[in-house]
Amino acid sequence: TNAVRFGQRLRERLDADVDLRAEHEADATYRIVGAASVIAKVARDAHV
């Protein structure tokens, strides 16, 4: 629910400093996140 917190937790989990921004509904806002959304959904559908 807190996008800033999510982004910070993700940076802390990564081994290297990564320039990233976490946003709600980023899959609808940014084409590159939409692409990741499609890849993840297809993987999940294959699993089901």
All heavy atoms as atom14 arrays in JSON, in Angstrom:
{
  "sequence": "TNAVRFGQRLRERLDADVDLRAEHEADATYRIVGAASVIAKVARDAHV",
  "atom14_mask": [
    [1, 1, 1, 1, 1, 1, 1, 0, 0, 0, 0, 0, 0, 0],
    [1, 1, 1, 1, 1, 1, 1, 1, 0, 0, 0, 0, 0, 0],
    [1, 1, 1, 1, 1, 0, 0, 0, 0, 0, 0, 0, 0, 0],
    [1, 1, 1, 1, 1, 1, 1, 0, 0, 0, 0, 0, 0, 0],
    [1, 1, 1, 1, 1, 1, 1, 1, 1, 1, 1, 0, 0, 0],
    [1, 1, 1, 1, 1, 1, 1, 1, 1, 1, 1, 0, 0, 0],
    [1, 1, 1, 1, 0, 0, 0, 0, 0, 0, 0, 0, 0, 0],
    [1, 1, 1, 1, 1, 1, 1, 1, 1, 0, 0, 0, 0, 0],
    [1, 1, 1, 1, 1, 1, 1, 1, 1, 1, 1, 0, 0, 0],
    [1, 1, 1, 1, 1, 1, 1, 1, 0, 0, 0, 0, 0, 0],
    [1, 1, 1, 1, 1, 1, 1, 1, 1, 1, 1, 0, 0, 0],
    [1, 1, 1, 1, 1, 1, 1, 1, 1, 0, 0, 0, 0, 0],
    [1, 1, 1, 1, 1, 1, 1, 1, 1, 1, 1, 0, 0, 0],
    [1, 1, 1, 1, 1, 1, 1, 1, 0, 0, 0, 0, 0, 0],
    [1, 1, 1, 1, 1, 1, 1, 1, 0, 0, 0, 0, 0, 0],
    [1, 1, 1, 1, 1, 0, 0, 0, 0, 0, 0, 0, 0, 0],
    [1, 1, 1, 1, 1, 1, 1, 1, 0, 0, 0, 0, 0, 0],
    [1, 1, 1, 1, 1, 1, 1, 0, 0, 0, 0, 0, 0, 0],
    [1, 1, 1, 1, 1, 1, 1, 1, 0, 0, 0, 0, 0, 0],
    [1, 1, 1, 1, 1, 1, 1, 1, 0, 0, 0, 0, 0, 0],
    [1, 1, 1, 1, 1, 1, 1, 1, 1, 1, 1, 0, 0, 0],
    [1, 1, 1, 1, 1, 0, 0, 0, 0, 0, 0, 0, 0, 0],
    [1, 1, 1, 1, 1, 1, 1, 1, 1, 0, 0, 0, 0, 0],
    [1, 1, 1, 1, 1, 1, 1, 1, 1, 1, 0, 0, 0, 0],
    [1, 1, 1, 1, 1, 1, 1, 1, 1, 0, 0, 0, 0, 0],
    [1, 1, 1, 1, 1, 0, 0, 0, 0, 0, 0, 0, 0, 0],
    [1, 1, 1, 1, 1, 1, 1, 1, 0, 0, 0, 0, 0, 0],
    [1, 1, 1, 1, 1, 0, 0, 0, 0, 0, 0, 0, 0, 0],
    [1, 1, 1, 1, 1, 1, 1, 0, 0, 0, 0, 0, 0, 0],
    [1, 1, 1, 1, 1, 1, 1, 1, 1, 1, 1, 1, 0, 0],
    [1, 1, 1, 1, 1, 1, 1, 1, 1, 1, 1, 0, 0, 0],
    [1, 1, 1, 1, 1, 1, 1, 1, 0, 0, 0, 0, 0, 0],
    [1, 1, 1, 1, 1, 1, 1, 0, 0, 0, 0, 0, 0, 0],
    [1, 1, 1, 1, 0, 0, 0, 0, 0, 0, 0, 0, 0, 0],
    [1, 1, 1, 1, 1, 0, 0, 0, 0, 0, 0, 0, 0, 0],
    [1, 1, 1, 1, 1, 0, 0, 0, 0, 0, 0, 0, 0, 0],
    [1, 1, 1, 1, 1, 1, 0, 0, 0, 0, 0, 0, 0, 0],
    [1, 1, 1, 1, 1, 1, 1, 0, 0, 0, 0, 0, 0, 0],
    [1, 1, 1, 1, 1, 1, 1, 1, 0, 0, 0, 0, 0, 0],
    [1, 1, 1, 1, 1, 0, 0, 0, 0, 0, 0, 0, 0, 0],
    [1, 1, 1, 1, 1, 1, 1, 1, 1, 0, 0, 0, 0, 0],
    [1, 1, 1, 1, 1, 1, 1, 0, 0, 0, 0, 0, 0, 0],
    [1, 1, 1, 1, 1, 0, 0, 0, 0, 0, 0, 0, 0, 0],
    [1, 1, 1, 1, 1, 1, 1, 1, 1, 1, 1, 0, 0, 0],
    [1, 1, 1, 1, 1, 1, 1, 1, 0, 0, 0, 0, 0, 0],
    [1, 1, 1, 1, 1, 0, 0, 0, 0, 0, 0, 0, 0, 0],
    [1, 1, 1, 1, 1, 1, 1, 1, 1, 1, 0, 0, 0, 0],
    [1, 1, 1, 1, 1, 1, 1, 0, 0, 0, 0, 0, 0, 0]
  ],
  "atom14_positions": [
    [[0.82, -1.2, 0.0], [0.0, 0.0, 0.0], [0.86, 1.26, 0.0], [0.43, 2.31, -0.46], [-0.93, 0.04, 1.22], [-0.14, -0.1, 2.42], [-1.95, -1.1, 1.16], [0.0, 0.0, 0.0], [0.0, 0.0, 0.0], [0.0, 0.0, 0.0], [0.0, 0.0, 0.0], [0.0, 0.0, 0.0], [0.0, 0.0, 0.0], [0.0, 0.0, 0.0]],
    [[2.09, 1.14, 0.51], [3.04, 2.25, 0.52], [4.09, 1.98, -0.54], [4.99, 1.16, -0.35], [3.67, 2.37, 1.91], [4.56, 3.59, 2.04], [5.28, 3.96, 1.12], [4.51, 4.23, 3.21], [0.0, 0.0, 0.0], [0.0, 0.0, 0.0], [0.0, 0.0, 0.0], [0.0, 0.0, 0.0], [0.0, 0.0, 0.0], [0.0, 0.0, 0.0]],
    [[3.99, 2.67, -1.67], [4.89, 2.41, -2.79], [6.34, 2.76, -2.46], [7.27, 2.04, -2.85], [4.43, 3.19, -4.02], [0.0, 0.0, 0.0], [0.0, 0.0, 0.0], [0.0, 0.0, 0.0], [0.0, 0.0, 0.0], [0.0, 0.0, 0.0], [0.0, 0.0, 0.0], [0.0, 0.0, 0.0], [0.0, 0.0, 0.0], [0.0, 0.0, 0.0]],
    [[6.54, 3.86, -1.74], [7.91, 4.27, -1.38], [8.55, 3.2, -0.49], [9.72, 2.84, -0.68], [7.89, 5.64, -0.66], [9.28, 5.98, -0.14], [7.39, 6.73, -1.61], [0.0, 0.0, 0.0], [0.0, 0.0, 0.0], [0.0, 0.0, 0.0], [0.0, 0.0, 0.0], [0.0, 0.0, 0.0], [0.0, 0.0, 0.0], [0.0, 0.0, 0.0]],
    [[7.79, 2.69, 0.46], [8.31, 1.64, 1.34], [8.67, 0.4, 0.55], [9.71, -0.23, 0.78], [7.29, 1.32, 2.41], [7.68, 0.18, 3.36], [6.65, 0.03, 4.48], [5.32, -0.28, 3.95], [4.2, -0.13, 4.66], [4.25, 0.34, 5.9], [3.03, -0.45, 4.14], [0.0, 0.0, 0.0], [0.0, 0.0, 0.0], [0.0, 0.0, 0.0]],
    [[7.82, 0.04, -0.41], [8.1, -1.14, -1.21], [9.41, -0.97, -1.99], [10.24, -1.87, -2.03], [6.95, -1.41, -2.19], [7.11, -2.68, -2.98], [6.68, -3.89, -2.46], [7.68, -2.67, -4.24], [6.83, -5.07, -3.17], [7.83, -3.83, -4.98], [7.4, -5.04, -4.44], [0.0, 0.0, 0.0], [0.0, 0.0, 0.0], [0.0, 0.0, 0.0]],
    [[9.59, 0.2, -2.6], [10.82, 0.45, -3.34], [12.04, 0.4, -2.46], [13.09, -0.16, -2.85], [0.0, 0.0, 0.0], [0.0, 0.0, 0.0], [0.0, 0.0, 0.0], [0.0, 0.0, 0.0], [0.0, 0.0, 0.0], [0.0, 0.0, 0.0], [0.0, 0.0, 0.0], [0.0, 0.0, 0.0], [0.0, 0.0, 0.0], [0.0, 0.0, 0.0]],
    [[11.95, 0.95, -1.24], [13.08, 0.93, -0.32], [13.4, -0.49, 0.11], [14.58, -0.88, 0.18], [12.77, 1.8, 0.9], [13.91, 1.9, 1.89], [15.18, 2.46, 1.28], [15.13, 3.34, 0.43], [16.33, 1.94, 1.7], [0.0, 0.0, 0.0], [0.0, 0.0, 0.0], [0.0, 0.0, 0.0], [0.0, 0.0, 0.0], [0.0, 0.0, 0.0]],
    [[12.38, -1.27, 0.42], [12.62, -2.67, 0.83], [13.26, -3.46, -0.31], [14.13, -4.31, -0.06], [11.3, -3.33, 1.24], [10.69, -2.79, 2.51], [9.47, -3.59, 2.93], [9.84, -4.92, 3.4], [8.97, -5.89, 3.67], [7.66, -5.68, 3.49], [9.38, -7.07, 4.1], [0.0, 0.0, 0.0], [0.0, 0.0, 0.0], [0.0, 0.0, 0.0]],
    [[12.87, -3.17, -1.53], [13.45, -3.87, -2.67], [14.91, -3.49, -2.84], [15.77, -4.37, -3.05], [12.65, -3.55, -3.93], [13.14, -4.19, -5.24], [13.23, -5.71, -5.09], [12.2, -3.82, -6.39], [0.0, 0.0, 0.0], [0.0, 0.0, 0.0], [0.0, 0.0, 0.0], [0.0, 0.0, 0.0], [0.0, 0.0, 0.0], [0.0, 0.0, 0.0]],
    [[15.23, -2.21, -2.73], [16.63, -1.79, -2.83], [17.49, -2.46, -1.76], [18.62, -2.87, -2.02], [16.74, -0.27, -2.7], [16.16, 0.51, -3.86], [16.42, 2.01, -3.7], [15.52, 2.77, -4.53], [14.35, 3.24, -4.13], [13.96, 3.05, -2.87], [13.58, 3.92, -4.94], [0.0, 0.0, 0.0], [0.0, 0.0, 0.0], [0.0, 0.0, 0.0]],
    [[16.95, -2.54, -0.54], [17.7, -3.16, 0.55], [17.94, -4.64, 0.32], [18.93, -5.2, 0.79], [16.95, -2.95, 1.87], [16.91, -1.5, 2.34], [15.98, -1.29, 3.51], [15.28, -2.26, 3.9], [15.94, -0.17, 4.05], [0.0, 0.0, 0.0], [0.0, 0.0, 0.0], [0.0, 0.0, 0.0], [0.0, 0.0, 0.0], [0.0, 0.0, 0.0]],
    [[17.03, -5.29, -0.39], [17.14, -6.73, -0.65], [18.15, -7.02, -1.76], [18.74, -8.12, -1.8], [15.75, -7.26, -1.02], [15.7, -8.69, -1.52], [16.19, -9.7, -0.52], [16.18, -11.02, -1.1], [17.06, -11.49, -1.98], [18.07, -10.72, -2.38], [16.96, -12.72, -2.45], [0.0, 0.0, 0.0], [0.0, 0.0, 0.0], [0.0, 0.0, 0.0]],
    [[18.38, -6.08, -2.66], [19.3, -6.3, -3.78], [20.75, -6.16, -3.32], [21.05, -5.44, -2.37], [19.01, -5.29, -4.89], [17.62, -5.4, -5.54], [17.33, -4.2, -6.43], [17.51, -6.69, -6.35], [0.0, 0.0, 0.0], [0.0, 0.0, 0.0], [0.0, 0.0, 0.0], [0.0, 0.0, 0.0], [0.0, 0.0, 0.0], [0.0, 0.0, 0.0]],
    [[21.63, -6.86, -4.01], [23.05, -6.83, -3.65], [23.72, -5.53, -4.03], [24.73, -5.14, -3.45], [23.78, -8.01, -4.32], [23.32, -9.35, -3.79], [22.88, -9.39, -2.63], [23.4, -10.35, -4.53], [0.0, 0.0, 0.0], [0.0, 0.0, 0.0], [0.0, 0.0, 0.0], [0.0, 0.0, 0.0], [0.0, 0.0, 0.0], [0.0, 0.0, 0.0]],
    [[23.21, -4.85, -5.05], [23.83, -3.63, -5.54], [22.84, -2.48, -5.52], [21.62, -2.69, -5.5], [24.35, -3.85, -6.97], [0.0, 0.0, 0.0], [0.0, 0.0, 0.0], [0.0, 0.0, 0.0], [0.0, 0.0, 0.0], [0.0, 0.0, 0.0], [0.0, 0.0, 0.0], [0.0, 0.0, 0.0], [0.0, 0.0, 0.0], [0.0, 0.0, 0.0]],
    [[23.36, -1.26, -5.52], [22.52, -0.08, -5.57], [21.9, 0.02, -6.96], [22.6, 0.06, -7.97], [23.36, 1.16, -5.28], [22.5, 2.42, -5.2], [21.32, 2.3, -4.82], [23.02, 3.49, -5.54], [0.0, 0.0, 0.0], [0.0, 0.0, 0.0], [0.0, 0.0, 0.0], [0.0, 0.0, 0.0], [0.0, 0.0, 0.0], [0.0, 0.0, 0.0]],
    [[20.59, 0.02, -7.01], [19.88, 0.02, -8.28], [18.94, 1.22, -8.34], [18.21, 1.49, -7.37], [19.07, -1.29, -8.47], [18.29, -1.25, -9.77], [19.99, -2.49, -8.44], [0.0, 0.0, 0.0], [0.0, 0.0, 0.0], [0.0, 0.0, 0.0], [0.0, 0.0, 0.0], [0.0, 0.0, 0.0], [0.0, 0.0, 0.0], [0.0, 0.0, 0.0]],
    [[18.97, 1.93, -9.44], [18.11, 3.1, -9.65], [16.72, 2.62, -10.06], [16.51, 2.23, -11.21], [18.71, 3.99, -10.74], [17.9, 5.26, -10.96], [16.95, 5.52, -10.19], [18.21, 5.99, -11.93], [0.0, 0.0, 0.0], [0.0, 0.0, 0.0], [0.0, 0.0, 0.0], [0.0, 0.0, 0.0], [0.0, 0.0, 0.0], [0.0, 0.0, 0.0]],
    [[15.8, 2.62, -9.1], [14.45, 2.14, -9.39], [13.42, 2.98, -8.66], [13.71, 3.59, -7.64], [14.29, 0.66, -9.02], [14.4, 0.26, -7.54], [13.08, 0.4, -6.8], [14.91, -1.17, -7.43], [0.0, 0.0, 0.0], [0.0, 0.0, 0.0], [0.0, 0.0, 0.0], [0.0, 0.0, 0.0], [0.0, 0.0, 0.0], [0.0, 0.0, 0.0]],
    [[12.22, 2.98, -9.22], [11.09, 3.65, -8.58], [9.91, 2.69, -8.54], [9.59, 2.07, -9.55], [10.7, 4.91, -9.35], [9.52, 5.67, -8.7], [9.02, 6.79, -9.6], [10.06, 7.76, -9.86], [9.92, 8.76, -10.73], [8.79, 8.9, -11.41], [10.9, 9.63, -10.92], [0.0, 0.0, 0.0], [0.0, 0.0, 0.0], [0.0, 0.0, 0.0]],
    [[9.29, 2.58, -7.38], [8.1, 1.75, -7.23], [6.86, 2.63, -7.28], [6.8, 3.65, -6.6], [8.15, 0.98, -5.91], [0.0, 0.0, 0.0], [0.0, 0.0, 0.0], [0.0, 0.0, 0.0], [0.0, 0.0, 0.0], [0.0, 0.0, 0.0], [0.0, 0.0, 0.0], [0.0, 0.0, 0.0], [0.0, 0.0, 0.0], [0.0, 0.0, 0.0]],
    [[5.9, 2.22, -8.09], [4.65, 2.97, -8.21], [3.48, 2.0, -8.28], [3.61, 0.9, -8.82], [4.65, 3.85, -9.46], [5.68, 4.97, -9.44], [5.52, 5.89, -10.66], [4.48, 5.8, -11.34], [6.46, 6.67, -10.91], [0.0, 0.0, 0.0], [0.0, 0.0, 0.0], [0.0, 0.0, 0.0], [0.0, 0.0, 0.0], [0.0, 0.0, 0.0]],
    [[2.34, 2.44, -7.77], [1.12, 1.67, -7.94], [0.65, 1.77, -9.38], [0.77, 2.82, -10.02], [0.03, 2.18, -7.0], [0.35, 1.98, -5.55], [0.27, 2.99, -4.62], [0.78, 0.88, -4.88], [0.62, 2.53, -3.43], [0.94, 1.25, -3.56], [0.0, 0.0, 0.0], [0.0, 0.0, 0.0], [0.0, 0.0, 0.0], [0.0, 0.0, 0.0]],
    [[0.13, 0.65, -9.9], [-0.37, 0.57, -11.28], [0.69, 0.96, -12.31], [0.38, 1.5, -13.37], [-1.62, 1.43, -11.45], [-2.76, 0.99, -10.54], [-4.02, 1.81, -10.73], [-4.04, 2.72, -11.58], [-5.02, 1.52, -10.05], [0.0, 0.0, 0.0], [0.0, 0.0, 0.0], [0.0, 0.0, 0.0], [0.0, 0.0, 0.0], [0.0, 0.0, 0.0]],
    [[1.94, 0.64, -11.99], [3.02, 0.95, -12.93], [2.89, 0.14, -14.22], [3.37, 0.57, -15.28], [4.38, 0.66, -12.27], [0.0, 0.0, 0.0], [0.0, 0.0, 0.0], [0.0, 0.0, 0.0], [0.0, 0.0, 0.0], [0.0, 0.0, 0.0], [0.0, 0.0, 0.0], [0.0, 0.0, 0.0], [0.0, 0.0, 0.0], [0.0, 0.0, 0.0]],
    [[2.22, -1.02, -14.13], [2.04, -1.83, -15.33], [1.13, -1.15, -16.34], [1.21, -1.44, -17.55], [1.5, -3.23, -14.99], [0.27, -3.18, -14.1], [-0.14, -2.09, -13.67], [-0.3, -4.26, -13.83], [0.0, 0.0, 0.0], [0.0, 0.0, 0.0], [0.0, 0.0, 0.0], [0.0, 0.0, 0.0], [0.0, 0.0, 0.0], [0.0, 0.0, 0.0]],
    [[0.28, -0.26, -15.88], [-0.59, 0.49, -16.79], [0.04, 1.81, -17.21], [-0.39, 2.42, -18.21], [-1.95, 0.75, -16.13], [0.0, 0.0, 0.0], [0.0, 0.0, 0.0], [0.0, 0.0, 0.0], [0.0, 0.0, 0.0], [0.0, 0.0, 0.0], [0.0, 0.0, 0.0], [0.0, 0.0, 0.0], [0.0, 0.0, 0.0], [0.0, 0.0, 0.0]],
    [[1.05, 2.26, -16.48], [1.67, 3.56, -16.74], [2.9, 3.45, -17.63], [3.11, 4.29, -18.52], [2.08, 4.22, -15.41], [0.93, 4.33, -14.56], [2.66, 5.61, -15.64], [0.0, 0.0, 0.0], [0.0, 0.0, 0.0], [0.0, 0.0, 0.0], [0.0, 0.0, 0.0], [0.0, 0.0, 0.0], [0.0, 0.0, 0.0], [0.0, 0.0, 0.0]],
    [[3.71, 2.42, -17.4], [4.98, 2.28, -18.1], [4.98, 1.0, -18.95], [4.69, -0.08, -18.45], [6.15, 2.23, -17.11], [6.21, 3.43, -16.21], [5.78, 3.35, -14.88], [6.68, 4.65, -16.68], [5.83, 4.45, -14.04], [6.73, 5.76, -15.84], [6.3, 5.66, -14.53], [6.34, 6.75, -13.71], [0.0, 0.0, 0.0], [0.0, 0.0, 0.0]],
    [[5.32, 1.16, -20.21], [5.32, 0.02, -21.14], [6.26, -1.09, -20.66], [5.95, -2.28, -20.8], [5.73, 0.49, -22.54], [4.71, 1.4, -23.2], [5.32, 2.18, -24.37], [5.93, 1.31, -25.34], [5.27, 0.65, -26.28], [3.95, 0.75, -26.34], [5.9, -0.11, -27.15], [0.0, 0.0, 0.0], [0.0, 0.0, 0.0], [0.0, 0.0, 0.0]],
    [[7.38, -0.71, -20.08], [8.36, -1.7, -19.67], [7.82, -2.55, -18.51], [8.09, -3.76, -18.42], [9.7, -1.02, -19.29], [10.82, -2.06, -19.14], [9.56, -0.18, -18.03], [11.21, -2.72, -20.43], [0.0, 0.0, 0.0], [0.0, 0.0, 0.0], [0.0, 0.0, 0.0], [0.0, 0.0, 0.0], [0.0, 0.0, 0.0], [0.0, 0.0, 0.0]],
    [[7.02, -1.94, -17.62], [6.42, -2.71, -16.53], [5.25, -3.54, -17.06], [5.02, -4.66, -16.61], [5.96, -1.78, -15.39], [5.41, -2.6, -14.22], [7.11, -0.92, -14.9], [0.0, 0.0, 0.0], [0.0, 0.0, 0.0], [0.0, 0.0, 0.0], [0.0, 0.0, 0.0], [0.0, 0.0, 0.0], [0.0, 0.0, 0.0], [0.0, 0.0, 0.0]],
    [[4.53, -2.98, -18.03], [3.49, -3.77, -18.69], [4.06, -5.03, -19.32], [3.45, -6.1, -19.26], [0.0, 0.0, 0.0], [0.0, 0.0, 0.0], [0.0, 0.0, 0.0], [0.0, 0.0, 0.0], [0.0, 0.0, 0.0], [0.0, 0.0, 0.0], [0.0, 0.0, 0.0], [0.0, 0.0, 0.0], [0.0, 0.0, 0.0], [0.0, 0.0, 0.0]],
    [[5.24, -4.9, -19.9], [5.9, -6.07, -20.5], [6.2, -7.12, -19.44], [6.0, -8.32, -19.64], [7.18, -5.65, -21.21], [0.0, 0.0, 0.0], [0.0, 0.0, 0.0], [0.0, 0.0, 0.0], [0.0, 0.0, 0.0], [0.0, 0.0, 0.0], [0.0, 0.0, 0.0], [0.0, 0.0, 0.0], [0.0, 0.0, 0.0], [0.0, 0.0, 0.0]],
    [[6.69, -6.67, -18.28], [6.97, -7.6, -17.19], [5.68, -8.24, -16.69], [5.65, -9.43, -16.35], [7.67, -6.86, -16.04], [0.0, 0.0, 0.0], [0.0, 0.0, 0.0], [0.0, 0.0, 0.0], [0.0, 0.0, 0.0], [0.0, 0.0, 0.0], [0.0, 0.0, 0.0], [0.0, 0.0, 0.0], [0.0, 0.0, 0.0], [0.0, 0.0, 0.0]],
    [[4.62, -7.45, -16.64], [3.31, -7.97, -16.23], [2.86, -9.1, -17.14], [2.36, -10.14, -16.67], [2.28, -6.83, -16.24], [0.97, -7.3, -16.0], [0.0, 0.0, 0.0], [0.0, 0.0, 0.0], [0.0, 0.0, 0.0], [0.0, 0.0, 0.0], [0.0, 0.0, 0.0], [0.0, 0.0, 0.0], [0.0, 0.0, 0.0], [0.0, 0.0, 0.0]],
    [[3.04, -8.93, -18.43], [2.64, -9.96, -19.4], [3.48, -11.23, -19.23], [2.95, -12.35, -19.2], [2.77, -9.42, -20.84], [2.62, -10.55, -21.86], [1.71, -8.34, -21.09], [0.0, 0.0, 0.0], [0.0, 0.0, 0.0], [0.0, 0.0, 0.0], [0.0, 0.0, 0.0], [0.0, 0.0, 0.0], [0.0, 0.0, 0.0], [0.0, 0.0, 0.0]],
    [[4.79, -11.07, -19.1], [5.67, -12.24, -18.93], [5.31, -13.0, -17.65], [5.23, -14.24, -17.65], [7.15, -11.8, -18.88], [7.59, -11.2, -20.22], [8.04, -12.98, -18.51], [7.66, -12.18, -21.37], [0.0, 0.0, 0.0], [0.0, 0.0, 0.0], [0.0, 0.0, 0.0], [0.0, 0.0, 0.0], [0.0, 0.0, 0.0], [0.0, 0.0, 0.0]],
    [[5.07, -12.28, -16.56], [4.73, -12.93, -15.29], [3.39, -13.65, -15.4], [3.24, -14.78, -14.91], [4.69, -11.9, -14.17], [0.0, 0.0, 0.0], [0.0, 0.0, 0.0], [0.0, 0.0, 0.0], [0.0, 0.0, 0.0], [0.0, 0.0, 0.0], [0.0, 0.0, 0.0], [0.0, 0.0, 0.0], [0.0, 0.0, 0.0], [0.0, 0.0, 0.0]],
    [[2.42, -13.02, -16.04], [1.1, -13.62, -16.16], [1.14, -14.87, -17.03], [0.48, -15.88, -16.72], [0.13, -12.6, -16.74], [-1.3, -13.13, -16.98], [-1.97, -13.6, -15.7], [-3.42, -13.97, -15.97], [-4.03, -14.65, -14.79], [0.0, 0.0, 0.0], [0.0, 0.0, 0.0], [0.0, 0.0, 0.0], [0.0, 0.0, 0.0], [0.0, 0.0, 0.0]],
    [[1.89, -14.85, -18.11], [2.01, -16.02, -18.97], [2.68, -17.17, -18.21], [2.3, -18.33, -18.35], [2.77, -15.67, -20.26], [3.15, -16.93, -21.05], [1.91, -14.75, -21.14], [0.0, 0.0, 0.0], [0.0, 0.0, 0.0], [0.0, 0.0, 0.0], [0.0, 0.0, 0.0], [0.0, 0.0, 0.0], [0.0, 0.0, 0.0], [0.0, 0.0, 0.0]],
    [[3.68, -16.85, -17.39], [4.33, -17.88, -16.57], [3.35, -18.47, -15.57], [3.29, -19.7, -15.37], [5.54, -17.3, -15.85], [0.0, 0.0, 0.0], [0.0, 0.0, 0.0], [0.0, 0.0, 0.0], [0.0, 0.0, 0.0], [0.0, 0.0, 0.0], [0.0, 0.0, 0.0], [0.0, 0.0, 0.0], [0.0, 0.0, 0.0], [0.0, 0.0, 0.0]],
    [[2.56, -17.62, -14.95], [1.55, -18.09, -13.99], [0.49, -18.95, -14.69], [0.09, -20.0, -14.19], [0.91, -16.88, -13.31], [-0.4, -17.14, -12.58], [-0.25, -17.94, -11.32], [-1.58, -18.35, -10.84], [-1.8, -19.1, -9.78], [-0.79, -19.56, -9.06], [-3.02, -19.43, -9.42], [0.0, 0.0, 0.0], [0.0, 0.0, 0.0], [0.0, 0.0, 0.0]],
    [[0.03, -18.52, -15.87], [-0.98, -19.28, -16.61], [-0.46, -20.66, -16.99], [-1.2, -21.65, -16.92], [-1.4, -18.51, -17.87], [-2.27, -17.3, -17.55], [-2.76, -17.19, -16.41], [-2.45, -16.46, -18.46], [0.0, 0.0, 0.0], [0.0, 0.0, 0.0], [0.0, 0.0, 0.0], [0.0, 0.0, 0.0], [0.0, 0.0, 0.0], [0.0, 0.0, 0.0]],
    [[0.8, -20.73, -17.4], [1.39, -22.03, -17.74], [1.45, -22.93, -16.5], [1.23, -24.15, -16.6], [2.79, -21.82, -18.32], [0.0, 0.0, 0.0], [0.0, 0.0, 0.0], [0.0, 0.0, 0.0], [0.0, 0.0, 0.0], [0.0, 0.0, 0.0], [0.0, 0.0, 0.0], [0.0, 0.0, 0.0], [0.0, 0.0, 0.0], [0.0, 0.0, 0.0]],
    [[1.74, -22.34, -15.38], [1.78, -23.08, -14.11], [0.41, -23.65, -13.78], [0.29, -24.82, -13.39], [2.24, -22.12, -13.02], [2.29, -22.69, -11.64], [3.11, -23.74, -11.29], [1.6, -22.35, -10.51], [2.94, -24.02, -10.0], [2.03, -23.2, -9.51], [0.0, 0.0, 0.0], [0.0, 0.0, 0.0], [0.0, 0.0, 0.0], [0.0, 0.0, 0.0]],
    [[-0.64, -22.86, -13.96], [-2.0, -23.32, -13.67], [-2.41, -24.43, -14.64], [-3.06, -25.4, -14.24], [-3.0, -22.15, -13.73], [-4.43, -22.65, -13.59], [-2.7, -21.15, -12.62], [0.0, 0.0, 0.0], [0.0, 0.0, 0.0], [0.0, 0.0, 0.0], [0.0, 0.0, 0.0], [0.0, 0.0, 0.0], [0.0, 0.0, 0.0], [0.0, 0.0, 0.0]]
  ]
}
